[in-house]
């Protein structure tokens, strides 16, 4: 049976991986949408601005997962992970943490 301290470390690692996966997905989504536009007029339109914003939000979330303090990224992960659609990212993060623990 694990101690409370070990459970907290697992939760911190899961939160970091969750935020990293979510940020990476948003960066990829924004970049993919921008790369499929055929002309510069589409790239610098309202939709282009929305896709740039999605990519920038993904970059900020990824940087939070890597460089933020434990308290801040835990709050961010709790606030971000409250939507039902994000269960895929949470399950992927739990799976990655499980793999890390098995390799240890």
PDB file of N, CA and C in Angstrom:
ATOM      1  N   UNK A   1       0.839  -1.180   0.000  1.00  0.00           N
ATOM      2  CA  UNK A   1       0.000   0.000   0.000  1.00  0.00           C
ATOM      3  C   UNK A   1       0.876   1.233   0.000  1.00  0.00           C
ATOM      4  N   UNK A   2       0.507   2.212  -0.776  1.00  0.00           N
ATOM      5  CA  UNK A   2       1.342   3.403  -0.899  1.00  0.00           C
ATOM      6  C   UNK A   2       1.009   4.420   0.182  1.00  0.00           C
ATOM      7  N   UNK A   3       1.977   5.228   0.484  1.00  0.00           N
ATOM      8  CA  UNK A   3       1.768   6.279   1.469  1.00  0.00           C
ATOM      9  C   UNK A   3       1.111   7.472   0.799  1.00  0.00           C
ATOM     10  N   UNK A   4       0.672   8.408   1.604  1.00  0.00           N
ATOM     11  CA  UNK A   4       0.039   9.616   1.068  1.00  0.00           C
ATOM     12  C   UNK A   4       1.013  10.405   0.209  1.00  0.00           C
ATOM     13  N   UNK A   5       2.262  10.435   0.595  1.00  0.00           N
ATOM     14  CA  UNK A   5       3.260  11.177  -0.168  1.00  0.00           C
ATOM     15  C   UNK A   5       3.445  10.572  -1.558  1.00  0.00           C
ATOM     16  N   UNK A   6       3.442   9.243  -1.667  1.00  0.00           N
ATOM     17  CA  UNK A   6       3.579   8.599  -2.967  1.00  0.00           C
ATOM     18  C   UNK A   6       2.352   8.858  -3.838  1.00  0.00           C
ATOM     19  N   UNK A   7       1.170   8.870  -3.242  1.00  0.00           N
ATOM     20  CA  UNK A   7      -0.033   9.172  -4.011  1.00  0.00           C
ATOM     21  C   UNK A   7      -0.001  10.595  -4.519  1.00  0.00           C
ATOM     22  N   UNK A   8       0.479  11.544  -3.717  1.00  0.00           N
ATOM     23  CA  UNK A   8       0.575  12.926  -4.159  1.00  0.00           C
ATOM     24  C   UNK A   8       1.559  13.070  -5.317  1.00  0.00           C
ATOM     25  N   UNK A   9       2.687  12.351  -5.264  1.00  0.00           N
ATOM     26  CA  UNK A   9       3.632  12.403  -6.370  1.00  0.00           C
ATOM     27  C   UNK A   9       3.018  11.840  -7.636  1.00  0.00           C
ATOM     28  N   UNK A  10       2.257  10.789  -7.513  1.00  0.00           N
ATOM     29  CA  UNK A  10       1.583  10.224  -8.670  1.00  0.00           C
ATOM     30  C   UNK A  10       0.589  11.220  -9.246  1.00  0.00           C
ATOM     31  N   UNK A  11      -0.154  11.880  -8.398  1.00  0.00           N
ATOM     32  CA  UNK A  11      -1.109  12.870  -8.871  1.00  0.00           C
ATOM     33  C   UNK A  11      -0.404  14.045  -9.533  1.00  0.00           C
ATOM     34  N   UNK A  12       0.753  14.466  -9.007  1.00  0.00           N
ATOM     35  CA  UNK A  12       1.491  15.554  -9.619  1.00  0.00           C
ATOM     36  C   UNK A  12       2.003  15.154 -10.991  1.00  0.00           C
ATOM     37  N   UNK A  13       2.517  13.950 -11.105  1.00  0.00           N
ATOM     38  CA  UNK A  13       3.010  13.473 -12.390  1.00  0.00           C
ATOM     39  C   UNK A  13       1.869  13.323 -13.388  1.00  0.00           C
ATOM     40  N   UNK A  14       0.754  12.788 -12.938  1.00  0.00           N
ATOM     41  CA  UNK A  14      -0.399  12.657 -13.814  1.00  0.00           C
ATOM     42  C   UNK A  14      -0.895  14.020 -14.280  1.00  0.00           C
ATOM     43  N   UNK A  15      -0.901  14.999 -13.387  1.00  0.00           N
ATOM     44  CA  UNK A  15      -1.331  16.349 -13.761  1.00  0.00           C
ATOM     45  C   UNK A  15      -0.394  16.962 -14.787  1.00  0.00           C
ATOM     46  N   UNK A  16       0.898  16.793 -14.587  1.00  0.00           N
ATOM     47  CA  UNK A  16       1.867  17.337 -15.546  1.00  0.00           C
ATOM     48  C   UNK A  16       1.711  16.684 -16.915  1.00  0.00           C
ATOM     49  N   UNK A  17       1.566  15.385 -16.944  1.00  0.00           N
ATOM     50  CA  UNK A  17       1.429  14.683 -18.225  1.00  0.00           C
ATOM     51  C   UNK A  17       0.112  15.058 -18.895  1.00  0.00           C
ATOM     52  N   UNK A  18      -0.962  15.187 -18.111  1.00  0.00           N
ATOM     53  CA  UNK A  18      -2.258  15.593 -18.663  1.00  0.00           C
ATOM     54  C   UNK A  18      -2.164  16.958 -19.338  1.00  0.00           C
ATOM     55  N   UNK A  19      -1.566  17.934 -18.649  1.00  0.00           N
ATOM     56  CA  UNK A  19      -1.442  19.260 -19.238  1.00  0.00           C
ATOM     57  C   UNK A  19      -0.547  19.245 -20.472  1.00  0.00           C
ATOM     58  N   UNK A  20       0.530  18.456 -20.429  1.00  0.00           N
ATOM     59  CA  UNK A  20       1.414  18.374 -21.581  1.00  0.00           C
ATOM     60  C   UNK A  20       0.696  17.767 -22.787  1.00  0.00           C
ATOM     61  N   UNK A  21      -0.068  16.711 -22.573  1.00  0.00           N
ATOM     62  CA  UNK A  21      -0.824  16.088 -23.668  1.00  0.00           C
ATOM     63  C   UNK A  21      -1.869  17.038 -24.243  1.00  0.00           C
ATOM     64  N   UNK A  22      -2.568  17.738 -23.371  1.00  0.00           N
ATOM     65  CA  UNK A  22      -3.585  18.679 -23.823  1.00  0.00           C
ATOM     66  C   UNK A  22      -2.958  19.823 -24.614  1.00  0.00           C
ATOM     67  N   UNK A  23      -1.873  20.382 -24.109  1.00  0.00           N
ATOM     68  CA  UNK A  23      -1.196  21.464 -24.819  1.00  0.00           C
ATOM     69  C   UNK A  23      -0.646  21.014 -26.159  1.00  0.00           C
ATOM     70  N   UNK A  24      -0.058  19.832 -26.200  1.00  0.00           N
ATOM     71  CA  UNK A  24       0.475  19.302 -27.455  1.00  0.00           C
ATOM     72  C   UNK A  24      -0.634  19.083 -28.479  1.00  0.00           C
ATOM     73  N   UNK A  25      -1.775  18.590 -28.005  1.00  0.00           N
ATOM     74  CA  UNK A  25      -2.906  18.387 -28.904  1.00  0.00           C
ATOM     75  C   UNK A  25      -3.389  19.708 -29.487  1.00  0.00           C
ATOM     76  N   UNK A  26      -3.496  20.748 -28.669  1.00  0.00           N
ATOM     77  CA  UNK A  26      -3.964  22.043 -29.162  1.00  0.00           C
ATOM     78  C   UNK A  26      -2.970  22.669 -30.135  1.00  0.00           C
ATOM     79  N   UNK A  27      -1.678  22.525 -29.857  1.00  0.00           N
ATOM     80  CA  UNK A  27      -0.665  23.040 -30.791  1.00  0.00           C
ATOM     81  C   UNK A  27      -0.793  22.324 -32.133  1.00  0.00           C
ATOM     82  N   UNK A  28      -0.933  21.011 -32.084  1.00  0.00           N
ATOM     83  CA  UNK A  28      -1.051  20.227 -33.313  1.00  0.00           C
ATOM     84  C   UNK A  28      -2.323  20.574 -34.072  1.00  0.00           C
ATOM     85  N   UNK A  29      -3.424  20.742 -33.352  1.00  0.00           N
ATOM     86  CA  UNK A  29      -4.688  21.091 -33.991  1.00  0.00           C
ATOM     87  C   UNK A  29      -4.591  22.442 -34.699  1.00  0.00           C
ATOM     88  N   UNK A  30      -4.041  23.437 -34.007  1.00  0.00           N
ATOM     89  CA  UNK A  30      -3.889  24.762 -34.625  1.00  0.00           C
ATOM     90  C   UNK A  30      -2.948  24.747 -35.806  1.00  0.00           C
ATOM     91  N   UNK A  31      -1.816  24.051 -35.684  1.00  0.00           N
ATOM     92  CA  UNK A  31      -0.849  23.995 -36.785  1.00  0.00           C
ATOM     93  C   UNK A  31      -1.403  23.230 -37.981  1.00  0.00           C
ATOM     94  N   UNK A  32      -2.128  22.152 -37.718  1.00  0.00           N
ATOM     95  CA  UNK A  32      -2.720  21.378 -38.807  1.00  0.00           C
ATOM     96  C   UNK A  32      -3.768  22.193 -39.551  1.00  0.00           C
ATOM     97  N   UNK A  33      -4.586  22.915 -38.834  1.00  0.00           N
ATOM     98  CA  UNK A  33      -5.614  23.740 -39.470  1.00  0.00           C
ATOM     99  C   UNK A  33      -4.970  24.866 -40.282  1.00  0.00           C
ATOM    100  N   UNK A  34      -3.899  25.447 -39.780  1.00  0.00           N
ATOM    101  CA  UNK A  34      -3.229  26.509 -40.524  1.00  0.00           C
ATOM    102  C   UNK A  34      -2.493  25.971 -41.746  1.00  0.00           C
ATOM    103  N   UNK A  35      -1.978  24.762 -41.652  1.00  0.00           N
ATOM    104  CA  UNK A  35      -1.237  24.214 -42.788  1.00  0.00           C
ATOM    105  C   UNK A  35      -2.142  23.795 -43.939  1.00  0.00           C
ATOM    106  N   UNK A  36      -3.408  23.558 -43.662  1.00  0.00           N
ATOM    107  CA  UNK A  36      -4.319  23.144 -44.730  1.00  0.00           C
ATOM    108  C   UNK A  36      -4.930  24.330 -45.468  1.00  0.00           C
ATOM    109  N   UNK A  37      -4.721  25.537 -44.980  1.00  0.00           N
ATOM    110  CA  UNK A  37      -5.284  26.691 -45.685  1.00  0.00           C
ATOM    111  C   UNK A  37      -4.493  26.916 -46.972  1.00  0.00           C
ATOM    112  N   UNK A  38      -5.202  27.255 -48.040  1.00  0.00           N
ATOM    113  CA  UNK A  38      -4.597  27.319 -49.370  1.00  0.00           C
ATOM    114  C   UNK A  38      -3.956  28.665 -49.686  1.00  0.00           C
ATOM    115  N   UNK A  39      -4.431  29.720 -49.105  1.00  0.00           N
ATOM    116  CA  UNK A  39      -3.911  31.031 -49.472  1.00  0.00           C
ATOM    117  C   UNK A  39      -3.593  31.849 -48.226  1.00  0.00           C
ATOM    118  N   UNK A  40      -2.850  32.915 -48.435  1.00  0.00           N
ATOM    119  CA  UNK A  40      -2.529  33.813 -47.321  1.00  0.00           C
ATOM    120  C   UNK A  40      -3.770  34.526 -46.806  1.00  0.00           C
ATOM    121  N   UNK A  41      -4.739  34.734 -47.677  1.00  0.00           N
ATOM    122  CA  UNK A  41      -5.959  35.400 -47.260  1.00  0.00           C
ATOM    123  C   UNK A  41      -6.707  34.558 -46.221  1.00  0.00           C
ATOM    124  N   UNK A  42      -6.706  33.249 -46.381  1.00  0.00           N
ATOM    125  CA  UNK A  42      -7.343  32.380 -45.393  1.00  0.00           C
ATOM    126  C   UNK A  42      -6.537  32.336 -44.108  1.00  0.00           C
ATOM    127  N   UNK A  43      -5.205  32.389 -44.228  1.00  0.00           N
ATOM    128  CA  UNK A  43      -4.356  32.313 -43.047  1.00  0.00           C
ATOM    129  C   UNK A  43      -4.531  33.540 -42.162  1.00  0.00           C
ATOM    130  N   UNK A  44      -4.716  34.715 -42.769  1.00  0.00           N
ATOM    131  CA  UNK A  44      -4.842  35.950 -41.991  1.00  0.00           C
ATOM    132  C   UNK A  44      -6.286  36.417 -41.858  1.00  0.00           C
ATOM    133  N   UNK A  45      -7.226  35.513 -41.935  1.00  0.00           N
ATOM    134  CA  UNK A  45      -8.636  35.847 -41.753  1.00  0.00           C
ATOM    135  C   UNK A  45      -9.038  35.607 -40.297  1.00  0.00           C
ATOM    136  N   UNK A  46     -10.313  35.700 -40.042  1.00  0.00           N
ATOM    137  CA  UNK A  46     -10.828  35.450 -38.690  1.00  0.00           C
ATOM    138  C   UNK A  46     -10.550  34.006 -38.277  1.00  0.00           C
ATOM    139  N   UNK A  47     -10.765  33.065 -39.174  1.00  0.00           N
ATOM    140  CA  UNK A  47     -10.499  31.658 -38.852  1.00  0.00           C
ATOM    141  C   UNK A  47      -9.016  31.432 -38.596  1.00  0.00           C
ATOM    142  N   UNK A  48      -8.165  32.095 -39.357  1.00  0.00           N
ATOM    143  CA  UNK A  48      -6.732  32.001 -39.111  1.00  0.00           C
ATOM    144  C   UNK A  48      -6.375  32.506 -37.728  1.00  0.00           C
ATOM    145  N   UNK A  49      -6.998  33.602 -37.324  1.00  0.00           N
ATOM    146  CA  UNK A  49      -6.748  34.147 -35.985  1.00  0.00           C
ATOM    147  C   UNK A  49      -7.218  33.178 -34.900  1.00  0.00           C
ATOM    148  N   UNK A  50      -8.326  32.512 -35.139  1.00  0.00           N
ATOM    149  CA  UNK A  50      -8.822  31.532 -34.168  1.00  0.00           C
ATOM    150  C   UNK A  50      -7.845  30.361 -34.055  1.00  0.00           C
ATOM    151  N   UNK A  51      -7.332  29.886 -35.187  1.00  0.00           N
ATOM    152  CA  UNK A  51      -6.393  28.758 -35.148  1.00  0.00           C
ATOM    153  C   UNK A  51      -5.056  29.160 -34.533  1.00  0.00           C
ATOM    154  N   UNK A  52      -4.602  30.398 -34.797  1.00  0.00           N
ATOM    155  CA  UNK A  52      -3.399  30.893 -34.115  1.00  0.00           C
ATOM    156  C   UNK A  52      -3.632  30.940 -32.608  1.00  0.00           C
ATOM    157  N   UNK A  53      -4.815  31.388 -32.201  1.00  0.00           N
ATOM    158  CA  UNK A  53      -5.137  31.453 -30.769  1.00  0.00           C
ATOM    159  C   UNK A  53      -5.144  30.069 -30.131  1.00  0.00           C
ATOM    160  N   UNK A  54      -5.685  29.087 -30.837  1.00  0.00           N
ATOM    161  CA  UNK A  54      -5.691  27.714 -30.319  1.00  0.00           C
ATOM    162  C   UNK A  54      -4.263  27.216 -30.131  1.00  0.00           C
ATOM    163  N   UNK A  55      -3.399  27.474 -31.111  1.00  0.00           N
ATOM    164  CA  UNK A  55      -2.004  27.035 -31.011  1.00  0.00           C
ATOM    165  C   UNK A  55      -1.279  27.757 -29.867  1.00  0.00           C
ATOM    166  N   UNK A  56      -1.549  29.035 -29.677  1.00  0.00           N
ATOM    167  CA  UNK A  56      -0.899  29.795 -28.592  1.00  0.00           C
ATOM    168  C   UNK A  56      -1.390  29.316 -27.231  1.00  0.00           C
ATOM    169  N   UNK A  57      -2.677  29.031 -27.110  1.00  0.00           N
ATOM    170  CA  UNK A  57      -3.207  28.493 -25.855  1.00  0.00           C
ATOM    171  C   UNK A  57      -2.553  27.138 -25.555  1.00  0.00           C
ATOM    172  N   UNK A  58      -2.387  26.314 -26.584  1.00  0.00           N
ATOM    173  CA  UNK A  58      -1.709  25.033 -26.406  1.00  0.00           C
ATOM    174  C   UNK A  58      -0.269  25.217 -25.966  1.00  0.00           C
ATOM    175  N   UNK A  59       0.417  26.210 -26.532  1.00  0.00           N
ATOM    176  CA  UNK A  59       1.800  26.493 -26.135  1.00  0.00           C
ATOM    177  C   UNK A  59       1.869  26.939 -24.681  1.00  0.00           C
ATOM    178  N   UNK A  60       0.942  27.771 -24.258  1.00  0.00           N
ATOM    179  CA  UNK A  60       0.920  28.237 -22.863  1.00  0.00           C
ATOM    180  C   UNK A  60       0.656  27.069 -21.913  1.00  0.00           C
ATOM    181  N   UNK A  61      -0.289  26.202 -22.257  1.00  0.00           N
ATOM    182  CA  UNK A  61      -0.591  25.046 -21.410  1.00  0.00           C
ATOM    183  C   UNK A  61       0.608  24.107 -21.324  1.00  0.00           C
ATOM    184  N   UNK A  62       1.293  23.909 -22.444  1.00  0.00           N
ATOM    185  CA  UNK A  62       2.486  23.059 -22.437  1.00  0.00           C
ATOM    186  C   UNK A  62       3.580  23.663 -21.577  1.00  0.00           C
ATOM    187  N   UNK A  63       3.787  24.968 -21.680  1.00  0.00           N
ATOM    188  CA  UNK A  63       4.803  25.620 -20.853  1.00  0.00           C
ATOM    189  C   UNK A  63       4.442  25.579 -19.368  1.00  0.00           C
ATOM    190  N   UNK A  64       3.164  25.676 -19.051  1.00  0.00           N
ATOM    191  CA  UNK A  64       2.730  25.554 -17.655  1.00  0.00           C
ATOM    192  C   UNK A  64       3.057  24.160 -17.137  1.00  0.00           C
ATOM    193  N   UNK A  65       2.842  23.141 -17.966  1.00  0.00           N
ATOM    194  CA  UNK A  65       3.112  21.775 -17.510  1.00  0.00           C
ATOM    195  C   UNK A  65       4.591  21.533 -17.279  1.00  0.00           C
ATOM    196  N   UNK A  66       5.444  22.246 -17.981  1.00  0.00           N
ATOM    197  CA  UNK A  66       6.882  22.031 -17.863  1.00  0.00           C
ATOM    198  C   UNK A  66       7.515  22.932 -16.815  1.00  0.00           C
ATOM    199  N   UNK A  67       7.131  24.205 -16.776  1.00  0.00           N
ATOM    200  CA  UNK A  67       7.892  25.178 -16.000  1.00  0.00           C
ATOM    201  C   UNK A  67       7.180  25.778 -14.788  1.00  0.00           C
ATOM    202  N   UNK A  68       5.925  25.486 -14.571  1.00  0.00           N
ATOM    203  CA  UNK A  68       5.196  26.130 -13.480  1.00  0.00           C
ATOM    204  C   UNK A  68       5.460  25.429 -12.150  1.00  0.00           C
ATOM    205  N   UNK A  69       5.151  26.133 -11.084  1.00  0.00           N
ATOM    206  CA  UNK A  69       5.288  25.546  -9.757  1.00  0.00           C
ATOM    207  C   UNK A  69       4.211  24.479  -9.556  1.00  0.00           C
ATOM    208  N   UNK A  70       4.444  23.611  -8.569  1.00  0.00           N
ATOM    209  CA  UNK A  70       3.507  22.498  -8.333  1.00  0.00           C
ATOM    210  C   UNK A  70       2.106  22.994  -8.009  1.00  0.00           C
ATOM    211  N   UNK A  71       2.023  24.004  -7.199  1.00  0.00           N
ATOM    212  CA  UNK A  71       0.719  24.514  -6.780  1.00  0.00           C
ATOM    213  C   UNK A  71      -0.060  25.082  -7.969  1.00  0.00           C
ATOM    214  N   UNK A  72       0.651  25.847  -8.824  1.00  0.00           N
ATOM    215  CA  UNK A  72      -0.018  26.482  -9.959  1.00  0.00           C
ATOM    216  C   UNK A  72      -0.477  25.463 -10.995  1.00  0.00           C
ATOM    217  N   UNK A  73       0.397  24.503 -11.355  1.00  0.00           N
ATOM    218  CA  UNK A  73      -0.022  23.568 -12.395  1.00  0.00           C
ATOM    219  C   UNK A  73      -1.060  22.585 -11.873  1.00  0.00           C
ATOM    220  N   UNK A  74      -1.079  22.299 -10.565  1.00  0.00           N
ATOM    221  CA  UNK A  74      -2.128  21.449 -10.017  1.00  0.00           C
ATOM    222  C   UNK A  74      -3.481  22.142 -10.106  1.00  0.00           C
ATOM    223  N   UNK A  75      -3.515  23.432  -9.781  1.00  0.00           N
ATOM    224  CA  UNK A  75      -4.760  24.202  -9.914  1.00  0.00           C
ATOM    225  C   UNK A  75      -5.202  24.255 -11.372  1.00  0.00           C
ATOM    226  N   UNK A  76      -4.248  24.460 -12.279  1.00  0.00           N
ATOM    227  CA  UNK A  76      -4.571  24.526 -13.699  1.00  0.00           C
ATOM    228  C   UNK A  76      -5.098  23.188 -14.204  1.00  0.00           C
ATOM    229  N   UNK A  77      -4.467  22.102 -13.790  1.00  0.00           N
ATOM    230  CA  UNK A  77      -4.926  20.777 -14.215  1.00  0.00           C
ATOM    231  C   UNK A  77      -6.316  20.479 -13.672  1.00  0.00           C
ATOM    232  N   UNK A  78      -6.581  20.862 -12.434  1.00  0.00           N
ATOM    233  CA  UNK A  78      -7.916  20.631 -11.860  1.00  0.00           C
ATOM    234  C   UNK A  78      -8.966  21.471 -12.567  1.00  0.00           C
ATOM    235  N   UNK A  79      -8.629  22.710 -12.907  1.00  0.00           N
ATOM    236  CA  UNK A  79      -9.586  23.579 -13.593  1.00  0.00           C
ATOM    237  C   UNK A  79      -9.797  23.134 -15.040  1.00  0.00           C
ATOM    238  N   UNK A  80      -8.737  22.667 -15.682  1.00  0.00           N
ATOM    239  CA  UNK A  80      -8.828  22.267 -17.078  1.00  0.00           C
ATOM    240  C   UNK A  80      -9.497  20.916 -17.239  1.00  0.00           C
ATOM    241  N   UNK A  81      -9.256  20.007 -16.326  1.00  0.00           N
ATOM    242  CA  UNK A  81      -9.752  18.649 -16.457  1.00  0.00           C
ATOM    243  C   UNK A  81     -11.170  18.437 -16.014  1.00  0.00           C
ATOM    244  N   UNK A  82     -11.962  19.483 -15.893  1.00  0.00           N
ATOM    245  CA  UNK A  82     -13.321  19.328 -15.395  1.00  0.00           C
ATOM    246  C   UNK A  82     -14.351  19.082 -16.506  1.00  0.00           C
ATOM    247  N   UNK A  83     -13.927  19.012 -17.741  1.00  0.00           N
ATOM    248  CA  UNK A  83     -14.856  18.789 -18.845  1.00  0.00           C
ATOM    249  C   UNK A  83     -14.848  17.316 -19.243  1.00  0.00           C
ATOM    250  N   UNK A  84     -15.999  16.803 -19.653  1.00  0.00           N
ATOM    251  CA  UNK A  84     -16.130  15.382 -19.939  1.00  0.00           C
ATOM    252  C   UNK A  84     -15.307  14.935 -21.144  1.00  0.00           C
ATOM    253  N   UNK A  85     -15.127  15.798 -22.126  1.00  0.00           N
ATOM    254  CA  UNK A  85     -14.409  15.416 -23.337  1.00  0.00           C
ATOM    255  C   UNK A  85     -12.929  15.170 -23.050  1.00  0.00           C
ATOM    256  N   UNK A  86     -12.411  15.731 -21.969  1.00  0.00           N
ATOM    257  CA  UNK A  86     -10.993  15.600 -21.654  1.00  0.00           C
ATOM    258  C   UNK A  86     -10.657  14.292 -20.956  1.00  0.00           C
ATOM    259  N   UNK A  87     -11.640  13.428 -20.773  1.00  0.00           N
ATOM    260  CA  UNK A  87     -11.381  12.136 -20.127  1.00  0.00           C
ATOM    261  C   UNK A  87     -10.390  11.315 -20.940  1.00  0.00           C
ATOM    262  N   UNK A  88     -10.355  11.524 -22.251  1.00  0.00           N
ATOM    263  CA  UNK A  88      -9.399  10.808 -23.107  1.00  0.00           C
ATOM    264  C   UNK A  88      -7.971  11.175 -22.710  1.00  0.00           C
ATOM    265  N   UNK A  89      -7.724  12.461 -22.490  1.00  0.00           N
ATOM    266  CA  UNK A  89      -6.385  12.906 -22.099  1.00  0.00           C
ATOM    267  C   UNK A  89      -6.035  12.448 -20.685  1.00  0.00           C
ATOM    268  N   UNK A  90      -7.017  12.442 -19.809  1.00  0.00           N
ATOM    269  CA  UNK A  90      -6.765  11.984 -18.444  1.00  0.00           C
ATOM    270  C   UNK A  90      -6.434  10.495 -18.441  1.00  0.00           C
ATOM    271  N   UNK A  91      -7.175   9.710 -19.218  1.00  0.00           N
ATOM    272  CA  UNK A  91      -6.887   8.282 -19.304  1.00  0.00           C
ATOM    273  C   UNK A  91      -5.515   8.021 -19.933  1.00  0.00           C
ATOM    274  N   UNK A  92      -5.160   8.806 -20.932  1.00  0.00           N
ATOM    275  CA  UNK A  92      -3.832   8.656 -21.536  1.00  0.00           C
ATOM    276  C   UNK A  92      -2.738   9.004 -20.528  1.00  0.00           C
ATOM    277  N   UNK A  93      -2.953  10.047 -19.733  1.00  0.00           N
ATOM    278  CA  UNK A  93      -1.970  10.433 -18.718  1.00  0.00           C
ATOM    279  C   UNK A  93      -1.831   9.351 -17.655  1.00  0.00           C
ATOM    280  N   UNK A  94      -2.947   8.775 -17.235  1.00  0.00           N
ATOM    281  CA  UNK A  94      -2.895   7.694 -16.241  1.00  0.00           C
ATOM    282  C   UNK A  94      -2.169   6.481 -16.825  1.00  0.00           C
ATOM    283  N   UNK A  95      -2.411   6.181 -18.086  1.00  0.00           N
ATOM    284  CA  UNK A  95      -1.722   5.074 -18.737  1.00  0.00           C
ATOM    285  C   UNK A  95      -0.221   5.297 -18.842  1.00  0.00           C
ATOM    286  N   UNK A  96       0.188   6.514 -19.164  1.00  0.00           N
ATOM    287  CA  UNK A  96       1.614   6.831 -19.248  1.00  0.00           C
ATOM    288  C   UNK A  96       2.267   6.730 -17.882  1.00  0.00           C
ATOM    289  N   UNK A  97       1.600   7.217 -16.847  1.00  0.00           N
ATOM    290  CA  UNK A  97       2.140   7.112 -15.486  1.00  0.00           C
ATOM    291  C   UNK A  97       2.245   5.648 -15.080  1.00  0.00           C
ATOM    292  N   UNK A  98       1.267   4.836 -15.444  1.00  0.00           N
ATOM    293  CA  UNK A  98       1.311   3.412 -15.116  1.00  0.00           C
ATOM    294  C   UNK A  98       2.509   2.744 -15.793  1.00  0.00           C
ATOM    295  N   UNK A  99       2.759   3.105 -17.053  1.00  0.00           N
ATOM    296  CA  UNK A  99       3.925   2.570 -17.760  1.00  0.00           C
ATOM    297  C   UNK A  99       5.211   2.999 -17.087  1.00  0.00           C
ATOM    298  N   UNK A 100       5.298   4.279 -16.691  1.00  0.00           N
ATOM    299  CA  UNK A 100       6.493   4.758 -15.991  1.00  0.00           C
ATOM    300  C   UNK A 100       6.730   3.987 -14.710  1.00  0.00           C
ATOM    301  N   UNK A 101       5.649   3.702 -13.973  1.00  0.00           N
ATOM    302  CA  UNK A 101       5.808   2.967 -12.712  1.00  0.00           C
ATOM    303  C   UNK A 101       6.233   1.530 -12.964  1.00  0.00           C
ATOM    304  N   UNK A 102       5.761   0.913 -14.038  1.00  0.00           N
ATOM    305  CA  UNK A 102       6.143  -0.468 -14.349  1.00  0.00           C
ATOM    306  C   UNK A 102       7.594  -0.547 -14.789  1.00  0.00           C
ATOM    307  N   UNK A 103       8.095   0.480 -15.462  1.00  0.00           N
ATOM    308  CA  UNK A 103       9.492   0.481 -15.908  1.00  0.00           C
ATOM    309  C   UNK A 103      10.466   0.774 -14.782  1.00  0.00           C
ATOM    310  N   UNK A 104       9.979   1.339 -13.717  1.00  0.00           N
ATOM    311  CA  UNK A 104      10.819   1.723 -12.590  1.00  0.00           C
ATOM    312  C   UNK A 104      11.356   0.608 -11.841  1.00  0.00           C
TER     313      UNK A 104
END
